Amino acid sequence: MGQRPLAVTGVAWLLIVVGALMLLRHSPELLHLQWDTLLIEFTELVGLTAGIFMLRRQNWARWLAMGWVGLHVILAAFPPFHGLVLHVLIFAGIAWILLRSDAAEYFRGTGRATS
């Protein structure tokens, strides 16, 4: 299977865009060199990395992506539960897409993706 499933492409680009936009949004805070800002920027880099390497057919990247979104679910679970339901729904949708048989076959494939 040489073609990347369209849903996998969509999830990968979503992670790339969200990661890049959040990196830009928090970048002015880097001037203060606070630990929490560095941690936030690192997590956004993780999402960006997962998206890029999913496009390159790296199986570990889909697991990183699910872990990244799962981390957001955990963070949203702490009081005041801001966006918990939305994060759970996003996680479920992404997990469903990345664990489908066509996605598993794509990530099991050898060589580079053609699309």
C-alpha atoms as a PDB file:
ATOM      1  CA  MET A   1       0.000   0.000   0.000  1.00  0.00           C
ATOM      2  CA  GLY A   2       1.732   3.138  -1.182  1.00  0.00           C
ATOM      3  CA  GLN A   3      -1.042   5.648  -0.657  1.00  0.00           C
ATOM      4  CA  ARG A   4      -1.470   7.328   2.690  1.00  0.00           C
ATOM      5  CA  PRO A   5      -5.098   7.238   3.890  1.00  0.00           C
ATOM      6  CA  LEU A   6      -6.674  10.669   3.590  1.00  0.00           C
ATOM      7  CA  ALA A   7      -7.758  10.612   7.240  1.00  0.00           C
ATOM      8  CA  VAL A   8      -4.162   9.971   8.364  1.00  0.00           C
ATOM      9  CA  THR A   9      -3.002  12.878   6.210  1.00  0.00           C
ATOM     10  CA  GLY A  10      -5.648  15.087   7.797  1.00  0.00           C
ATOM     11  CA  VAL A  11      -4.651  14.151  11.339  1.00  0.00           C
ATOM     12  CA  ALA A  12      -0.962  14.650  10.545  1.00  0.00           C
ATOM     13  CA  TRP A  13      -1.554  18.111   9.087  1.00  0.00           C
ATOM     14  CA  LEU A  14      -3.844  19.007  11.981  1.00  0.00           C
ATOM     15  CA  LEU A  15      -1.032  18.183  14.415  1.00  0.00           C
ATOM     16  CA  ILE A  16       1.464  20.153  12.333  1.00  0.00           C
ATOM     17  CA  VAL A  17      -0.750  23.229  12.131  1.00  0.00           C
ATOM     18  CA  VAL A  18      -1.804  23.135  15.796  1.00  0.00           C
ATOM     19  CA  GLY A  19       1.774  22.518  16.931  1.00  0.00           C
ATOM     20  CA  ALA A  20       3.167  25.335  14.791  1.00  0.00           C
ATOM     21  CA  LEU A  21       0.448  27.827  15.740  1.00  0.00           C
ATOM     22  CA  MET A  22       0.797  27.099  19.445  1.00  0.00           C
ATOM     23  CA  LEU A  23       4.589  27.407  19.187  1.00  0.00           C
ATOM     24  CA  LEU A  24       4.129  30.838  17.646  1.00  0.00           C
ATOM     25  CA  ARG A  25       1.462  31.826  20.155  1.00  0.00           C
ATOM     26  CA  HIS A  26       3.668  31.004  23.153  1.00  0.00           C
ATOM     27  CA  SER A  27       6.991  32.115  21.659  1.00  0.00           C
ATOM     28  CA  PRO A  28       6.909  35.664  23.131  1.00  0.00           C
ATOM     29  CA  GLU A  29       6.718  34.091  26.585  1.00  0.00           C
ATOM     30  CA  LEU A  30      10.092  32.423  25.967  1.00  0.00           C
ATOM     31  CA  LEU A  31      11.768  35.760  26.684  1.00  0.00           C
ATOM     32  CA  HIS A  32      10.974  35.240  30.369  1.00  0.00           C
ATOM     33  CA  LEU A  33      12.601  31.763  30.420  1.00  0.00           C
ATOM     34  CA  GLN A  34      10.077  30.279  32.800  1.00  0.00           C
ATOM     35  CA  TRP A  35       9.959  26.530  33.281  1.00  0.00           C
ATOM     36  CA  ASP A  36       6.257  26.190  32.457  1.00  0.00           C
ATOM     37  CA  THR A  37       6.691  28.082  29.180  1.00  0.00           C
ATOM     38  CA  LEU A  38       9.569  25.830  28.165  1.00  0.00           C
ATOM     39  CA  LEU A  39       7.471  22.777  28.993  1.00  0.00           C
ATOM     40  CA  ILE A  40       4.536  24.085  26.954  1.00  0.00           C
ATOM     41  CA  GLU A  41       6.809  24.788  23.979  1.00  0.00           C
ATOM     42  CA  PHE A  42       8.315  21.311  24.269  1.00  0.00           C
ATOM     43  CA  THR A  43       4.885  19.674  24.205  1.00  0.00           C
ATOM     44  CA  GLU A  44       3.936  21.697  21.125  1.00  0.00           C
ATOM     45  CA  LEU A  45       7.147  20.515  19.446  1.00  0.00           C
ATOM     46  CA  VAL A  46       6.134  16.941  20.264  1.00  0.00           C
ATOM     47  CA  GLY A  47       2.805  17.389  18.453  1.00  0.00           C
ATOM     48  CA  LEU A  48       4.517  19.028  15.489  1.00  0.00           C
ATOM     49  CA  THR A  49       7.080  16.213  15.343  1.00  0.00           C
ATOM     50  CA  ALA A  50       4.378  13.547  15.468  1.00  0.00           C
ATOM     51  CA  GLY A  51       2.560  15.149  12.536  1.00  0.00           C
ATOM     52  CA  ILE A  52       5.688  15.498  10.401  1.00  0.00           C
ATOM     53  CA  PHE A  53       6.811  11.929  10.964  1.00  0.00           C
ATOM     54  CA  MET A  54       3.326  10.509  10.428  1.00  0.00           C
ATOM     55  CA  LEU A  55       3.540  11.966   6.920  1.00  0.00           C
ATOM     56  CA  ARG A  56       6.842  10.109   6.588  1.00  0.00           C
ATOM     57  CA  ARG A  57       5.178   6.792   7.482  1.00  0.00           C
ATOM     58  CA  GLN A  58       6.797   6.359  10.879  1.00  0.00           C
ATOM     59  CA  ASN A  59       4.716   4.050  13.053  1.00  0.00           C
ATOM     60  CA  TRP A  60       6.121   5.453  16.305  1.00  0.00           C
ATOM     61  CA  ALA A  61       4.747   8.870  15.296  1.00  0.00           C
ATOM     62  CA  ARG A  62       1.135   7.706  15.361  1.00  0.00           C
ATOM     63  CA  TRP A  63       1.645   6.398  18.892  1.00  0.00           C
ATOM     64  CA  LEU A  64       3.337   9.668  19.850  1.00  0.00           C
ATOM     65  CA  ALA A  65       0.357  11.546  18.416  1.00  0.00           C
ATOM     66  CA  MET A  66      -2.099   9.528  20.486  1.00  0.00           C
ATOM     67  CA  GLY A  67       0.049  10.023  23.572  1.00  0.00           C
ATOM     68  CA  TRP A  68       0.220  13.750  22.883  1.00  0.00           C
ATOM     69  CA  VAL A  69      -3.546  14.087  22.591  1.00  0.00           C
ATOM     70  CA  GLY A  70      -3.968  11.763  25.584  1.00  0.00           C
ATOM     71  CA  LEU A  71      -1.765  14.093  27.633  1.00  0.00           C
ATOM     72  CA  HIS A  72      -4.117  16.939  26.756  1.00  0.00           C
ATOM     73  CA  VAL A  73      -7.048  14.842  27.978  1.00  0.00           C
ATOM     74  CA  ILE A  74      -5.250  14.266  31.283  1.00  0.00           C
ATOM     75  CA  LEU A  75      -4.442  17.973  31.638  1.00  0.00           C
ATOM     76  CA  ALA A  76      -8.049  18.894  30.846  1.00  0.00           C
ATOM     77  CA  ALA A  77      -9.245  16.470  33.551  1.00  0.00           C
ATOM     78  CA  PHE A  78      -7.828  18.607  36.334  1.00  0.00           C
ATOM     79  CA  PRO A  79     -10.071  21.239  37.820  1.00  0.00           C
ATOM     80  CA  PRO A  80     -11.773  23.244  36.487  1.00  0.00           C
ATOM     81  CA  PHE A  81     -12.234  20.535  33.806  1.00  0.00           C
ATOM     82  CA  HIS A  82     -11.866  23.116  31.065  1.00  0.00           C
ATOM     83  CA  GLY A  83     -12.565  21.432  27.733  1.00  0.00           C
ATOM     84  CA  LEU A  84     -12.475  17.866  29.052  1.00  0.00           C
ATOM     85  CA  VAL A  85     -15.367  16.591  26.941  1.00  0.00           C
ATOM     86  CA  LEU A  86     -13.959  18.214  23.814  1.00  0.00           C
ATOM     87  CA  HIS A  87     -10.497  16.738  24.440  1.00  0.00           C
ATOM     88  CA  VAL A  88     -11.972  13.272  25.007  1.00  0.00           C
ATOM     89  CA  LEU A  89     -13.932  13.508  21.750  1.00  0.00           C
ATOM     90  CA  ILE A  90     -10.857  14.689  19.838  1.00  0.00           C
ATOM     91  CA  PHE A  91      -8.790  11.869  21.323  1.00  0.00           C
ATOM     92  CA  ALA A  92     -11.443   9.292  20.418  1.00  0.00           C
ATOM     93  CA  GLY A  93     -11.644  10.568  16.840  1.00  0.00           C
ATOM     94  CA  ILE A  94      -7.883  10.634  16.345  1.00  0.00           C
ATOM     95  CA  ALA A  95      -7.444   7.203  17.940  1.00  0.00           C
ATOM     96  CA  TRP A  96     -10.196   5.787  15.725  1.00  0.00           C
ATOM     97  CA  ILE A  97      -8.493   7.174  12.606  1.00  0.00           C
ATOM     98  CA  LEU A  98      -4.976   6.098  13.569  1.00  0.00           C
ATOM     99  CA  LEU A  99      -5.965   2.605  14.724  1.00  0.00           C
ATOM    100  CA  ARG A 100      -8.119   1.686  11.714  1.00  0.00           C
ATOM    101  CA  SER A 101      -6.922  -1.160   9.534  1.00  0.00           C
ATOM    102  CA  ASP A 102      -6.023   1.097   6.580  1.00  0.00           C
ATOM    103  CA  ALA A 103      -3.873   3.277   8.833  1.00  0.00           C
ATOM    104  CA  ALA A 104      -2.219   0.240  10.417  1.00  0.00           C
ATOM    105  CA  GLU A 105      -1.464  -1.148   6.960  1.00  0.00           C
ATOM    106  CA  TYR A 106      -0.032   2.200   5.842  1.00  0.00           C
ATOM    107  CA  PHE A 107       2.279   2.425   8.863  1.00  0.00           C
ATOM    108  CA  ARG A 108       3.345  -1.225   8.461  1.00  0.00           C
ATOM    109  CA  GLY A 109       4.365  -0.591   4.861  1.00  0.00           C
ATOM    110  CA  THR A 110       7.969  -0.390   3.799  1.00  0.00           C
ATOM    111  CA  GLY A 111       9.585   2.492   2.009  1.00  0.00           C
ATOM    112  CA  ARG A 112       8.397   6.039   1.672  1.00  0.00           C
ATOM    113  CA  ALA A 113       4.863   7.180   1.117  1.00  0.00           C
ATOM    114  CA  THR A 114       4.002   8.410  -2.358  1.00  0.00           C
ATOM    115  CA  SER A 115       1.481  11.034  -1.367  1.00  0.00           C
END
